[in-house]
Protein backbone atom coordinates (compact mmCIF):
# COMPACT_ATOMS: atom_id res chain seq x y z
CA MET A 1 141.15 166.56 79.85
CA SER A 2 139.37 169.42 81.36
CA THR A 3 138.77 169.97 85.04
CA VAL A 4 135.11 169.61 84.57
CA GLN A 5 135.58 166.20 82.83
CA LYS A 6 137.72 165.05 85.71
CA LYS A 7 134.98 165.91 88.21
CA ILE A 8 132.34 164.02 86.30
CA ARG A 9 134.54 160.95 85.89
CA VAL A 10 135.10 160.93 89.87
CA GLN A 11 131.38 161.19 90.38
CA LEU A 12 130.69 158.38 88.02
CA VAL A 13 132.59 155.92 90.17
CA ASP A 14 130.45 156.67 93.28
CA ASP A 15 128.23 153.90 94.28
CA PRO A 16 124.25 154.49 94.26
CA VAL A 17 124.22 155.47 98.02
CA GLY A 18 126.85 158.08 97.62
CA ARG A 19 129.80 156.19 98.89
CA VAL A 20 133.18 156.91 97.06
CA ALA A 21 134.81 153.83 95.68
CA GLY A 22 137.57 152.60 98.08
CA ALA A 23 135.78 154.09 101.09
CA SER A 24 135.27 152.02 104.24
CA PRO A 25 131.84 149.94 104.04
CA ALA A 26 128.74 150.83 105.98
CA PRO A 27 128.84 149.70 109.61
CA GLU A 28 126.67 146.42 110.46
CA PRO A 29 123.35 147.05 112.38
CA ALA A 30 124.05 147.02 116.05
CA ALA A 31 123.14 143.79 117.83
CA SER A 32 120.60 145.55 119.83
CA ASP A 33 118.68 146.57 116.64
CA VAL A 34 118.57 143.11 115.58
CA GLU A 35 117.30 141.75 118.94
CA LEU A 36 114.60 144.38 118.84
CA LEU A 37 113.38 143.28 115.47
CA ASP A 38 113.42 139.66 116.60
CA ALA A 39 111.50 140.46 119.76
CA TYR A 40 108.90 142.25 117.68
CA SER A 41 108.58 139.43 115.27
CA LYS A 42 108.42 136.84 117.95
CA ALA A 43 105.64 138.88 119.58
CA VAL A 44 103.54 138.77 116.29
CA VAL A 45 104.16 135.17 115.63
CA HIS A 46 103.27 134.06 119.10
CA VAL A 47 99.89 135.86 118.75
CA VAL A 48 99.36 134.26 115.32
CA GLU A 49 100.05 130.90 116.58
CA ARG A 50 97.86 131.24 119.75
CA VAL A 51 94.82 133.12 118.29
CA GLY A 52 94.91 132.24 114.58
CA PRO A 53 93.15 128.81 114.94
CA ALA A 54 90.27 130.64 116.83
CA VAL A 55 89.64 133.10 113.89
CA VAL A 56 86.85 132.15 111.43
CA GLY A 57 85.43 133.23 108.24
CA VAL A 58 81.68 134.29 108.25
CA THR A 59 79.62 133.94 105.17
CA VAL A 60 76.14 135.38 105.06
CA ARG A 61 73.36 134.88 102.77
CA ALA A 62 70.72 137.66 103.23
CA ARG A 63 67.29 138.15 102.14
CA ARG A 64 66.77 138.77 98.36
CA GLY A 65 69.72 136.57 97.72
CA ARG A 66 72.32 139.05 98.71
CA ALA A 67 75.62 137.68 100.02
CA GLY A 68 78.31 139.20 102.24
CA GLY A 69 80.56 138.27 105.07
CA GLY A 70 83.34 138.90 107.33
CA SER A 71 85.39 137.46 110.24
CA GLY A 72 84.74 136.15 113.90
CA VAL A 73 86.57 134.83 116.71
CA LEU A 74 85.55 131.89 118.81
CA PHE A 75 85.78 132.60 122.51
CA THR A 76 84.30 129.33 124.09
CA PRO A 77 85.31 125.61 123.16
CA ASP A 78 81.53 124.94 122.42
CA GLY A 79 81.19 127.08 119.46
CA TYR A 80 80.27 130.63 120.72
CA MET A 81 81.95 133.47 118.72
CA LEU A 82 81.87 137.00 118.40
CA THR A 83 81.55 139.12 115.25
CA ASN A 84 80.00 142.42 114.12
CA ALA A 85 76.28 143.14 114.07
CA HIS A 86 76.58 144.62 110.49
CA VAL A 87 78.23 141.39 109.22
CA VAL A 88 74.99 139.37 110.13
CA ALA A 89 72.36 141.81 109.62
CA GLY A 90 69.50 140.45 107.65
CA ALA A 91 71.06 137.06 107.42
CA ARG A 92 68.75 134.12 106.61
CA GLU A 93 71.63 131.72 106.42
CA MET A 94 75.21 131.80 107.92
CA ARG A 95 78.18 129.58 107.30
CA VAL A 96 81.44 129.58 109.22
CA THR A 97 84.80 128.29 108.04
CA LEU A 98 87.42 127.20 110.43
CA THR A 99 91.16 127.52 109.74
CA ASP A 100 91.15 123.54 109.13
CA GLY A 101 88.85 124.17 106.16
CA SER A 102 85.70 122.72 107.80
CA GLU A 103 82.55 124.60 107.21
CA HIS A 104 79.62 124.76 109.77
CA THR A 105 76.18 126.14 109.80
CA ALA A 106 75.90 128.92 112.32
CA THR A 107 72.97 130.19 114.41
CA LEU A 108 72.30 133.70 115.68
CA VAL A 109 72.54 133.93 119.44
CA GLY A 110 71.91 137.83 119.65
CA THR A 111 72.93 140.98 117.96
CA ASP A 112 73.30 144.54 119.41
CA PRO A 113 73.65 147.20 116.59
CA ALA A 114 74.36 149.96 119.32
CA THR A 115 77.77 148.47 119.79
CA ASP A 116 77.90 146.56 116.24
CA LEU A 117 78.46 143.25 118.07
CA ALA A 118 76.83 139.95 117.67
CA VAL A 119 77.15 136.53 119.07
CA ILE A 120 76.74 133.52 116.90
CA ARG A 121 77.32 129.78 117.35
CA ILE A 122 78.27 126.65 115.78
CA GLU A 123 77.94 123.08 117.12
CA GLY A 124 81.04 121.52 118.38
CA THR A 125 83.30 120.73 121.30
CA HIS A 126 86.95 121.15 122.05
CA LEU A 127 87.08 123.92 119.42
CA PRO A 128 90.03 126.25 119.19
CA HIS A 129 89.28 129.46 121.21
CA ALA A 130 90.85 132.66 122.04
CA GLU A 131 91.22 134.38 125.45
CA LEU A 132 89.27 137.55 126.16
CA GLY A 133 91.54 140.03 127.87
CA SER A 134 90.90 143.55 129.15
CA SER A 135 90.87 146.94 127.25
CA ALA A 136 91.01 149.15 130.26
CA SER A 137 94.60 149.21 130.55
CA LEU A 138 95.53 149.54 126.95
CA ARG A 139 97.99 152.51 126.14
CA VAL A 140 98.47 154.66 123.16
CA GLY A 141 101.46 153.26 121.22
CA GLN A 142 100.79 149.67 122.39
CA LEU A 143 101.50 146.76 119.87
CA VAL A 144 98.15 145.04 118.55
CA VAL A 145 97.75 142.57 115.98
CA ALA A 146 94.49 142.02 113.78
CA ILE A 147 93.64 138.62 112.14
CA GLY A 148 90.78 138.26 109.75
CA ASN A 149 89.73 137.63 106.21
CA PRO A 150 89.98 140.83 104.14
CA LEU A 151 88.64 140.60 100.65
CA GLY A 152 88.35 136.78 101.04
CA PHE A 153 92.09 136.21 101.83
CA SER A 154 91.79 133.89 104.82
CA ASN A 155 93.72 134.29 108.07
CA THR A 156 95.52 137.42 107.15
CA VAL A 157 97.68 139.08 109.61
CA SER A 158 98.53 142.82 110.02
CA ALA A 159 100.06 144.48 113.10
CA GLY A 160 100.32 148.15 114.27
CA VAL A 161 99.79 150.29 117.39
CA ILE A 162 96.86 151.68 119.47
CA SER A 163 96.53 155.25 117.95
CA ALA A 164 93.92 156.63 120.34
CA LEU A 165 91.43 155.58 123.10
CA ALA A 166 87.83 156.50 123.73
CA ARG A 167 86.84 157.67 120.32
CA SER A 168 83.17 158.20 119.42
CA MET A 169 81.89 156.85 116.01
CA ARG A 170 78.37 156.27 114.56
CA ALA A 171 77.06 152.82 113.71
CA GLN A 172 75.27 152.04 110.52
CA ASP A 173 71.98 152.73 112.29
CA GLY A 174 73.24 156.32 113.12
CA ARG A 175 73.69 155.78 116.75
CA LEU A 176 76.91 156.63 118.49
CA ILE A 177 79.28 153.95 119.52
CA ASP A 178 81.74 154.71 122.23
CA PRO A 179 84.24 154.01 123.51
CA ILE A 180 85.97 152.87 120.19
CA LEU A 181 89.54 152.06 119.98
CA GLN A 182 91.58 153.79 117.11
CA THR A 183 94.55 151.94 115.46
CA ASP A 184 96.80 152.13 112.59
CA VAL A 185 96.44 148.49 111.70
CA ALA A 186 95.85 147.96 108.08
CA LEU A 187 92.25 146.51 107.68
CA ASN A 188 90.10 146.15 104.59
CA PRO A 189 86.41 144.97 103.84
CA GLY A 190 86.22 141.35 105.37
CA ASN A 191 88.12 142.15 108.50
CA SER A 192 85.05 143.20 110.13
CA GLY A 193 84.31 141.06 113.36
CA GLY A 194 87.86 139.71 113.53
CA PRO A 195 89.88 140.06 116.63
CA LEU A 196 92.28 142.84 117.72
CA VAL A 197 95.01 141.14 119.92
CA ASP A 198 97.55 142.32 122.31
CA SER A 199 101.30 140.96 122.47
CA ARG A 200 100.08 138.39 125.16
CA ALA A 201 97.71 136.85 122.64
CA ARG A 202 94.62 138.17 124.47
CA VAL A 203 91.47 139.67 122.44
CA VAL A 204 91.43 143.29 123.35
CA GLY A 205 88.95 144.56 120.76
CA ILE A 206 86.56 143.50 117.82
CA ASN A 207 87.51 145.29 114.55
CA THR A 208 84.54 147.09 113.22
CA MET A 209 85.26 149.77 110.65
CA ILE A 210 87.48 151.75 108.63
CA ILE A 211 87.28 155.01 106.83
CA LEU A 212 87.48 154.38 103.05
CA GLY A 213 90.09 156.30 101.25
CA ALA A 214 92.17 156.86 104.38
CA GLN A 215 95.43 154.97 105.48
CA GLY A 216 96.12 154.13 108.98
CA LEU A 217 92.73 154.76 110.50
CA SER A 218 90.79 151.64 111.79
CA PHE A 219 88.51 151.21 114.59
CA ALA A 220 87.67 148.30 117.17
CA VAL A 221 85.09 147.79 119.86
CA PRO A 222 86.84 147.37 123.20
CA VAL A 223 86.67 143.87 124.73
CA ASP A 224 85.43 145.21 128.08
CA THR A 225 82.31 146.47 126.04
CA ALA A 226 82.12 143.15 124.29
CA ARG A 227 82.12 141.22 127.58
CA TRP A 228 79.22 142.94 128.80
CA VAL A 229 77.17 142.57 125.64
CA ILE A 230 78.06 138.83 125.50
CA GLY A 231 76.46 138.45 128.95
CA GLN A 232 73.34 140.12 127.85
CA LEU A 233 73.10 138.40 124.63
CA MET A 234 73.89 134.78 125.79
CA THR A 235 71.24 135.18 128.67
CA VAL A 236 68.28 137.13 127.09
CA GLY A 237 69.30 137.37 123.39
CA ARG A 238 69.33 141.21 123.33
CA VAL A 239 70.74 144.28 125.12
CA ARG A 240 68.36 146.27 127.23
CA ARG A 241 69.88 149.44 128.19
CA GLY A 242 69.25 152.89 129.36
CA TYR A 243 69.86 155.67 126.85
CA LEU A 244 70.98 159.23 127.53
CA GLY A 245 71.70 160.57 124.08
CA LEU A 246 75.24 161.95 124.58
CA ALA A 247 78.73 161.28 123.33
CA GLY A 248 81.61 161.46 125.89
CA GLN A 249 85.26 160.78 126.39
CA VAL A 250 87.48 160.18 129.52
CA ARG A 251 88.96 163.44 130.83
CA PRO A 252 91.39 163.82 133.72
CA LEU A 253 90.40 166.40 136.49
CA PRO A 254 93.03 168.83 137.80
CA LYS A 255 94.20 167.54 141.14
CA ARG A 256 93.73 171.11 142.83
CA LEU A 257 90.12 171.21 141.45
CA ALA A 258 89.20 167.56 142.51
CA ARG A 259 90.47 168.35 146.11
CA ARG A 260 88.57 171.54 146.39
CA LEU A 261 85.49 170.17 145.17
CA GLN A 262 85.98 166.86 147.33
CA LEU A 263 85.48 164.58 144.33
CA ALA A 264 85.81 160.85 144.63
CA VAL A 265 87.53 160.36 141.34
CA ASP A 266 90.47 162.00 139.39
CA THR A 267 88.96 161.37 135.94
CA GLY A 268 85.28 161.84 134.59
CA VAL A 269 83.41 161.65 131.35
CA GLN A 270 83.42 164.83 129.44
CA VAL A 271 80.06 165.50 127.49
CA MET A 272 81.26 166.05 123.80
CA GLN A 273 77.76 166.19 122.30
CA VAL A 274 74.14 166.19 123.46
CA GLU A 275 71.55 165.11 121.04
CA SER A 276 68.33 167.37 121.16
CA GLY A 277 65.13 165.82 122.68
CA THR A 278 67.10 163.16 124.62
CA PRO A 279 67.06 162.42 128.42
CA ALA A 280 70.46 164.01 128.66
CA ALA A 281 69.24 167.34 126.92
CA ARG A 282 66.04 167.26 129.19
CA GLY A 283 67.96 166.64 132.30
CA GLY A 284 69.97 169.78 131.62
CA LEU A 285 73.49 168.34 130.59
CA LEU A 286 75.54 170.53 128.45
CA PRO A 287 78.66 169.94 126.16
CA GLY A 288 81.85 170.47 128.37
CA ASP A 289 80.11 169.03 131.52
CA VAL A 290 82.35 166.29 133.12
CA ILE A 291 80.22 163.60 134.66
CA VAL A 292 81.74 162.29 137.86
CA ALA A 293 78.83 160.29 139.36
CA ILE A 294 75.61 158.79 138.31
CA ASP A 295 72.98 157.34 140.74
CA GLY A 296 75.53 157.97 143.58
CA LYS A 297 78.17 155.77 142.12
CA PRO A 298 81.51 157.28 140.96
CA VAL A 299 82.02 157.58 137.08
CA ARG A 300 85.71 157.54 135.97
CA ASN A 301 85.23 156.45 132.30
CA VAL A 302 82.68 155.76 129.46
CA ASP A 303 82.48 151.94 130.34
CA GLU A 304 81.24 152.73 133.81
CA VAL A 305 78.55 155.01 132.35
CA HIS A 306 77.51 152.01 130.30
CA ARG A 307 77.51 149.67 133.16
CA LEU A 308 75.33 152.02 135.18
CA LEU A 309 72.66 152.34 132.36
CA ASP A 310 71.55 148.85 132.60
CA ALA A 311 68.02 147.56 132.21
CA GLY A 312 67.23 148.69 135.76
CA SER A 313 67.82 152.30 134.92
CA ILE A 314 65.17 152.69 132.27
CA GLY A 315 62.40 155.01 133.23
CA ARG A 316 64.07 155.55 136.58
CA LYS A 317 65.18 159.15 137.79
CA LEU A 318 68.88 159.03 138.42
CA PRO A 319 71.00 161.78 140.10
CA VAL A 320 73.88 162.97 137.96
CA ARG A 321 76.76 164.92 139.38
CA ALA A 322 78.94 166.95 136.86
CA VAL A 323 81.68 169.36 136.98
CA ARG A 324 80.67 172.47 135.05
CA GLY A 325 83.57 175.01 134.84
CA ASN A 326 85.03 175.17 138.25
CA GLU A 327 81.98 174.07 140.23
CA VAL A 328 79.88 170.96 140.87
CA VAL A 329 76.33 170.88 139.38
CA ASP A 330 73.71 168.16 140.49
CA LEU A 331 71.09 167.32 137.69
CA GLU A 332 68.57 164.48 137.29
CA VAL A 333 68.10 162.47 134.22
CA THR A 334 65.53 159.71 133.32
CA PRO A 335 67.05 157.24 130.97
CA ALA A 336 64.82 155.88 128.17
CA GLU A 337 65.29 152.37 126.54
CA GLY A 338 67.87 152.37 123.94
């Protein structure tokens, strides 16, 4: 037998992973690896058991007979639930299906296309409901779980992490929605309006959109924004807010610069885009400016800007302080109703 043939015969008795016959077996996974996997699984299972019963399917019959739907999440025991504005847009009839299979007629409480959120309600008492958490303390890399009804598959669970905070996206009506949470959670049509939940089973966002054709790119409205919208919709049925016409994101301020300028905050809202002809443009705000105060009140993040632009701000001249380069500029804006 030739030397080449001997070599080939030896290779043929190797196993598929390249281990020579008779060699020592691969080591067992470390106990810590198993424990870590168990901890991850337990966290997801805990979330599903706590929040799953509060997740509903929303079926909509719109004008001209068109049908559509999505997901929603009950947040009170008497039938109030959050979903997306685009899920219920143009609805003339809404049906909600609970996890026990029961169907209910739903009524619209209010909708806010500017944040793609809506509140609807069904009649009932002692209904399963989820706890609303906080999105202010979320961190990139944090575990999150989505529950919804993608493509009609009810109560589907997917898990992932927070990929980025304070993104800006455009709603279907062309308006900017910010801030937006970016995740790598697998979402599909039908997940819209369902909850994004942290490991403590608290709703931290409402899933709102995906980028078709992309993988690992999904987006949710932060629950802190949803809380404010809920309050407006449940009291007056709509959201009246001041409108500046800019997109912004949180930006840390260098400590040395903050001390020199005697700023009351260590973060501000950096202006990323200014739409022409808007109050922000007329007031002199420019891309790159970092807003640190509005109406004499400190501004640390986009949510604080939104809270200051309430109904009382509409038509009223507001002083705006911003950092431009290495200096402070004082401007004045008059919010329009948005």
